[in-house]
Protein backbone atom coordinates (compact mmCIF):
# COMPACT_ATOMS: atom_id res chain seq x y z
CA MET A 1 0.00 0.00 0.00
CA ALA A 2 1.32 3.46 -0.89
CA PRO A 3 2.60 5.63 2.02
CA SER A 4 0.04 8.36 1.22
CA VAL A 5 -2.80 5.86 1.67
CA LEU A 6 -1.34 4.68 4.97
CA LEU A 7 -1.23 8.28 6.18
CA LEU A 8 -4.92 8.75 5.35
CA LEU A 9 -6.18 5.70 7.28
CA PRO A 10 -6.00 7.34 10.76
CA LEU A 11 -7.93 10.35 9.36
CA LEU A 12 -10.86 8.34 7.93
CA PRO A 13 -13.02 8.52 11.09
CA VAL A 14 -12.61 12.31 11.02
CA LEU A 15 -13.23 12.67 7.28
CA VAL A 16 -16.20 10.24 7.35
CA PRO A 17 -18.23 10.75 10.54
CA GLY A 18 -19.52 7.57 12.09
CA LEU A 19 -16.91 5.34 10.45
CA GLY A 20 -15.33 3.13 13.08
CA ALA A 21 -17.72 4.33 15.76
CA ALA A 22 -19.32 1.87 18.17
CA PRO A 23 -22.68 0.53 17.05
CA PRO A 24 -25.73 2.34 18.44
CA VAL A 25 -26.51 1.44 22.01
CA CYS A 26 -29.92 0.21 20.89
CA ASP A 27 -28.18 -2.75 19.28
CA ARG A 28 -27.20 -3.84 22.78
CA ASP A 29 -29.80 -2.36 25.13
CA PRO A 30 -33.57 -1.88 24.82
CA ALA A 31 -34.68 1.64 24.00
CA TRP A 32 -36.51 2.10 27.27
CA LEU A 33 -33.24 1.47 29.15
CA TRP A 34 -31.10 3.70 26.94
CA CYS A 35 -30.57 6.88 28.97
CA ARG A 36 -26.78 7.16 29.03
CA SER A 37 -26.88 10.55 27.34
CA PRO A 38 -27.93 13.39 29.68
CA ASP A 39 -29.42 15.26 26.72
CA ILE A 40 -31.57 12.28 25.71
CA ALA A 41 -32.58 11.66 29.31
CA ALA A 42 -33.63 15.31 29.63
CA GLY A 43 -35.56 15.17 26.38
CA LYS A 44 -33.26 17.64 24.65
CA ALA A 45 -32.10 15.24 21.97
CA PRO A 46 -33.79 12.37 20.11
CA SER A 47 -32.79 8.86 21.06
CA PRO A 48 -31.35 6.70 18.26
CA CYS A 49 -33.48 3.90 19.71
CA ALA A 50 -36.76 5.79 19.75
CA HIS A 51 -38.17 3.55 17.02
CA ARG A 52 -38.08 0.57 19.34
CA SER A 53 -41.11 -0.35 21.45
CA PRO A 54 -41.35 -2.39 24.66
CA PRO A 55 -42.06 -6.12 24.29
CA PRO A 56 -45.77 -7.00 24.18
CA ALA A 57 -47.43 -7.81 27.48
CA ALA A 58 -48.35 -11.42 28.17
CA PRO A 59 -52.04 -12.28 27.80
CA VAL A 60 -54.13 -12.94 30.87
CA GLU A 61 -54.48 -16.73 31.11
CA LEU A 62 -57.87 -17.99 32.24
CA SER A 63 -58.85 -21.62 32.81
CA LEU A 64 -62.51 -22.53 33.26
CA PHE A 65 -63.33 -25.79 35.03
CA TYR A 66 -67.00 -26.53 34.40
CA GLU A 67 -69.61 -29.14 33.53
CA SER A 68 -71.84 -29.02 30.49
CA LEU A 69 -75.29 -29.06 32.14
CA CYS A 70 -74.61 -26.97 35.23
CA PRO A 71 -76.88 -23.89 34.87
CA ALA A 72 -74.32 -21.64 36.57
CA CYS A 73 -71.56 -22.87 34.26
CA ARG A 74 -73.68 -22.32 31.17
CA MET A 75 -74.57 -18.81 32.23
CA PHE A 76 -70.96 -17.88 33.01
CA LEU A 77 -69.67 -19.32 29.74
CA VAL A 78 -72.36 -17.69 27.61
CA ARG A 79 -72.71 -14.30 29.29
CA GLN A 80 -69.26 -13.62 30.73
CA LEU A 81 -66.59 -15.72 29.04
CA PHE A 82 -67.85 -15.66 25.46
CA THR A 83 -68.55 -11.93 25.65
CA ALA A 84 -65.05 -11.19 26.96
CA TRP A 85 -63.53 -13.38 24.24
CA LEU A 86 -65.49 -11.57 21.53
CA LEU A 87 -64.49 -8.12 22.77
CA LEU A 88 -60.83 -8.70 23.61
CA PRO A 89 -57.98 -9.42 21.16
CA PRO A 90 -56.32 -12.87 21.43
CA ASP A 91 -53.11 -11.28 22.69
CA VAL A 92 -55.01 -9.98 25.73
CA LEU A 93 -56.92 -13.10 26.83
CA SER A 94 -55.95 -16.78 26.54
CA ILE A 95 -58.62 -19.33 27.55
CA THR A 96 -58.46 -23.01 28.50
CA LEU A 97 -61.68 -25.01 28.89
CA VAL A 98 -61.85 -28.15 31.05
CA PRO A 99 -65.31 -29.80 30.95
CA TYR A 100 -65.51 -32.23 33.87
CA GLY A 101 -66.55 -30.30 37.00
CA ASN A 102 -68.00 -32.36 39.84
CA ALA A 103 -67.88 -35.66 37.96
CA GLN A 104 -66.30 -38.85 39.30
CA GLU A 105 -64.35 -41.52 37.46
CA ARG A 106 -63.44 -45.14 38.03
CA ASN A 107 -61.49 -47.71 36.06
CA GLU A 108 -63.52 -50.79 35.21
CA SER A 109 -61.53 -53.61 33.60
CA GLY A 110 -59.06 -51.16 32.11
CA LYS A 111 -61.68 -48.70 30.84
CA TRP A 112 -62.58 -45.35 32.35
CA GLU A 113 -66.19 -44.80 33.34
CA PHE A 114 -67.63 -41.48 34.50
CA ARG A 115 -70.49 -40.44 36.73
CA CYS A 116 -71.65 -36.83 36.45
CA GLN A 117 -73.52 -34.51 38.79
CA HIS A 118 -76.40 -33.95 36.39
CA GLY A 119 -76.59 -37.52 35.12
CA PRO A 120 -75.48 -39.44 32.00
CA GLU A 121 -76.54 -36.67 29.63
CA GLU A 122 -74.04 -34.32 31.26
CA CYS A 123 -71.29 -36.92 30.87
CA LEU A 124 -72.19 -37.07 27.19
CA GLY A 125 -72.14 -33.29 26.92
CA ASN A 126 -68.74 -33.13 28.59
CA MET A 127 -67.44 -35.76 26.19
CA ILE A 128 -68.88 -34.03 23.11
CA GLU A 129 -67.21 -30.75 23.99
CA THR A 130 -63.92 -32.46 24.87
CA CYS A 131 -63.84 -34.36 21.57
CA LEU A 132 -64.85 -31.22 19.70
CA MET A 133 -61.83 -29.42 21.13
CA HIS A 134 -59.62 -32.38 20.26
CA GLU A 135 -60.76 -32.46 16.63
CA ALA A 136 -60.86 -28.72 16.02
CA LYS A 137 -57.55 -27.87 17.75
CA ASN A 138 -57.99 -24.13 17.20
CA PHE A 139 -59.76 -22.26 20.02
CA SER A 140 -61.39 -19.75 17.70
CA THR A 141 -62.90 -22.68 15.78
CA TYR A 142 -64.37 -24.70 18.65
CA PHE A 143 -65.36 -22.01 21.16
CA PRO A 144 -68.24 -20.61 19.07
CA VAL A 145 -69.55 -24.18 18.69
CA ILE A 146 -69.39 -24.72 22.46
CA PHE A 147 -71.14 -21.38 22.93
CA CYS A 148 -73.84 -22.58 20.54
CA LEU A 149 -74.26 -25.84 22.47
CA GLU A 150 -74.33 -24.21 25.90
CA SER A 151 -76.70 -21.42 24.90
CA GLY A 152 -79.11 -23.68 23.03
CA SER A 153 -81.95 -25.98 24.06
CA SER A 154 -79.79 -29.13 24.24
CA VAL A 155 -76.06 -29.56 24.69
CA THR A 156 -76.17 -33.16 23.48
CA LYS A 157 -78.58 -32.92 20.53
CA ASN A 158 -77.51 -29.74 18.72
CA LEU A 159 -73.96 -30.57 17.65
CA ALA A 160 -74.79 -31.01 13.96
CA ALA A 161 -76.71 -27.73 13.82
CA CYS A 162 -74.00 -25.83 15.69
CA LEU A 163 -71.29 -27.23 13.45
CA GLN A 164 -73.24 -26.25 10.35
CA VAL A 165 -73.44 -22.64 11.52
CA TYR A 166 -70.08 -22.09 13.21
CA ALA A 167 -67.65 -24.73 11.92
CA PRO A 168 -68.90 -26.49 8.79
CA GLN A 169 -65.34 -27.57 8.00
CA LEU A 170 -65.36 -30.00 10.94
CA ASP A 171 -66.38 -33.61 10.45
CA GLY A 172 -69.14 -34.52 12.90
CA SER A 173 -68.54 -38.24 12.36
CA ARG A 174 -64.99 -37.91 13.66
CA ILE A 175 -66.26 -36.18 16.78
CA ALA A 176 -68.86 -38.93 17.24
CA ALA A 177 -66.18 -41.61 16.87
CA CYS A 178 -64.11 -39.87 19.53
CA VAL A 179 -67.09 -39.66 21.88
CA GLY A 180 -67.85 -43.37 21.56
CA GLY A 181 -64.28 -44.64 21.58
CA ASP A 182 -61.15 -44.93 23.67
CA THR A 183 -59.89 -41.51 22.60
CA GLY A 184 -62.81 -39.74 24.27
CA ALA A 185 -62.39 -41.72 27.48
CA ALA A 186 -58.67 -40.93 27.59
CA LEU A 187 -59.33 -37.24 27.00
CA MET A 188 -61.97 -37.16 29.73
CA HIS A 189 -59.60 -38.94 32.11
CA ARG A 190 -57.11 -36.16 31.41
CA ASN A 191 -59.77 -33.60 32.30
CA ALA A 192 -60.37 -35.50 35.54
CA GLN A 193 -56.65 -35.36 36.36
CA LEU A 194 -56.48 -31.62 35.66
CA THR A 195 -59.52 -31.02 37.85
CA GLU A 196 -58.27 -33.17 40.72
CA ALA A 197 -54.90 -31.42 40.59
CA LEU A 198 -56.42 -28.02 41.34
CA ASP A 199 -54.83 -26.23 44.29
CA PRO A 200 -56.87 -25.28 46.19
CA PRO A 201 -59.29 -28.11 45.32
CA HIS A 202 -62.45 -26.90 43.62
CA GLN A 203 -65.55 -26.59 45.80
CA TYR A 204 -68.03 -25.75 43.06
CA VAL A 205 -68.29 -24.94 39.37
CA PRO A 206 -67.74 -22.78 37.46
CA TRP A 207 -64.24 -22.68 38.97
CA VAL A 208 -62.06 -19.93 37.54
CA VAL A 209 -58.25 -19.95 37.58
CA VAL A 210 -56.53 -16.74 36.48
CA ASN A 211 -52.81 -16.73 35.69
CA GLY A 212 -52.46 -20.03 37.55
CA LYS A 213 -54.23 -18.84 40.71
CA HIS A 214 -57.65 -19.22 42.26
CA THR A 215 -58.81 -17.02 45.11
CA ASP A 216 -62.24 -16.11 46.42
CA GLU A 217 -61.61 -12.54 45.32
CA LEU A 218 -60.65 -13.49 41.75
CA GLN A 219 -63.66 -15.80 41.51
CA ALA A 220 -66.04 -13.10 42.73
CA GLN A 221 -64.59 -10.54 40.33
CA ALA A 222 -64.79 -12.97 37.39
CA GLU A 223 -68.42 -13.79 38.13
CA ALA A 224 -69.37 -10.13 38.59
CA SER A 225 -67.55 -8.75 35.53
CA LEU A 226 -65.01 -10.93 33.78
CA LEU A 227 -64.25 -8.25 31.20
CA GLY A 228 -63.46 -5.77 33.96
CA LEU A 229 -61.19 -8.29 35.71
CA ILE A 230 -59.23 -9.11 32.56
CA CYS A 231 -58.83 -5.42 31.73
CA SER A 232 -57.53 -4.67 35.22
CA LEU A 233 -54.99 -7.51 35.08
CA TYR A 234 -53.66 -6.97 31.56
CA GLN A 235 -50.33 -5.13 31.73
CA GLY A 236 -50.21 -3.90 28.14
CA LYS A 237 -52.04 -1.12 26.34
CA LYS A 238 -55.69 -1.44 27.23
CA PRO A 239 -57.94 -2.36 24.28
CA GLU A 240 -60.95 -0.22 23.46
CA ALA A 241 -63.34 -2.75 25.04
CA CYS A 242 -61.83 -1.99 28.44
CA GLY A 243 -63.53 1.39 28.40
CA SER A 244 -66.76 -0.27 29.53
CA SER A 245 -66.77 -3.42 31.65
CA GLY A 246 -70.54 -3.86 31.82
CA THR A 247 -72.93 -4.36 34.73
CA PRO A 248 -71.81 -6.71 37.55
CA GLU A 249 -73.80 -9.92 37.94
CA ALA A 250 -74.62 -12.00 41.00
CA PRO A 251 -72.70 -15.33 41.17
CA LEU A 252 -74.38 -18.68 40.49
CA ARG A 253 -72.66 -22.00 41.27
CA CYS A 254 -73.09 -25.78 41.18
CA ARG A 255 -71.58 -27.14 44.40
CA ARG A 256 -70.02 -30.55 44.79
């Protein structure tokens, strides 16, 4: 390399501003932590990381332990849970449904049998909804169908009609095969395990678990205004639906 070129190399950072400088701090630190410059901290200069936004807040996780023919469960699912799900974006509320409630199970000759609080029809309703969830996979696909079943005249007789309206892409025969076969029994046994593992143990249904916790206060707030509870717990930017949480309702329950 010619001597004149060698002499110019040390001057390049001066002749070309920014050349050889350290990468912007935002490449190493989040923008909301980047306050090393007194001018930026005082608002006198723009931050090179101003384009960055905080990470999204985690959704509120709600698990509903219920049984298909319990009047209190049906009312909570239809009037509180489904309404909140319709109004809130999926990144605000994540829902898990566990249809089993106050049922009991026993293993007879290697097969699981179930006895439900409201009789055999409720066991069938629990199984239909469990197999529906198994076949549909996607919550936004099966929840409207469950809403249709729970809000209608019969949980056990309206599956075909509800599928036709809300999820015509699902195969009813596959759901029926699940209900009458070993898959349905295994899935219901799993629901029994999830219900029996509750801490504290459930005393009634609907039993609401929010972000992994159940307390009397959370339960009362969920039953009075689930939308209001979710909005108060969500740590991100509040969605528009949080501007009105509705009228509180009196709790209804099916005790064990």
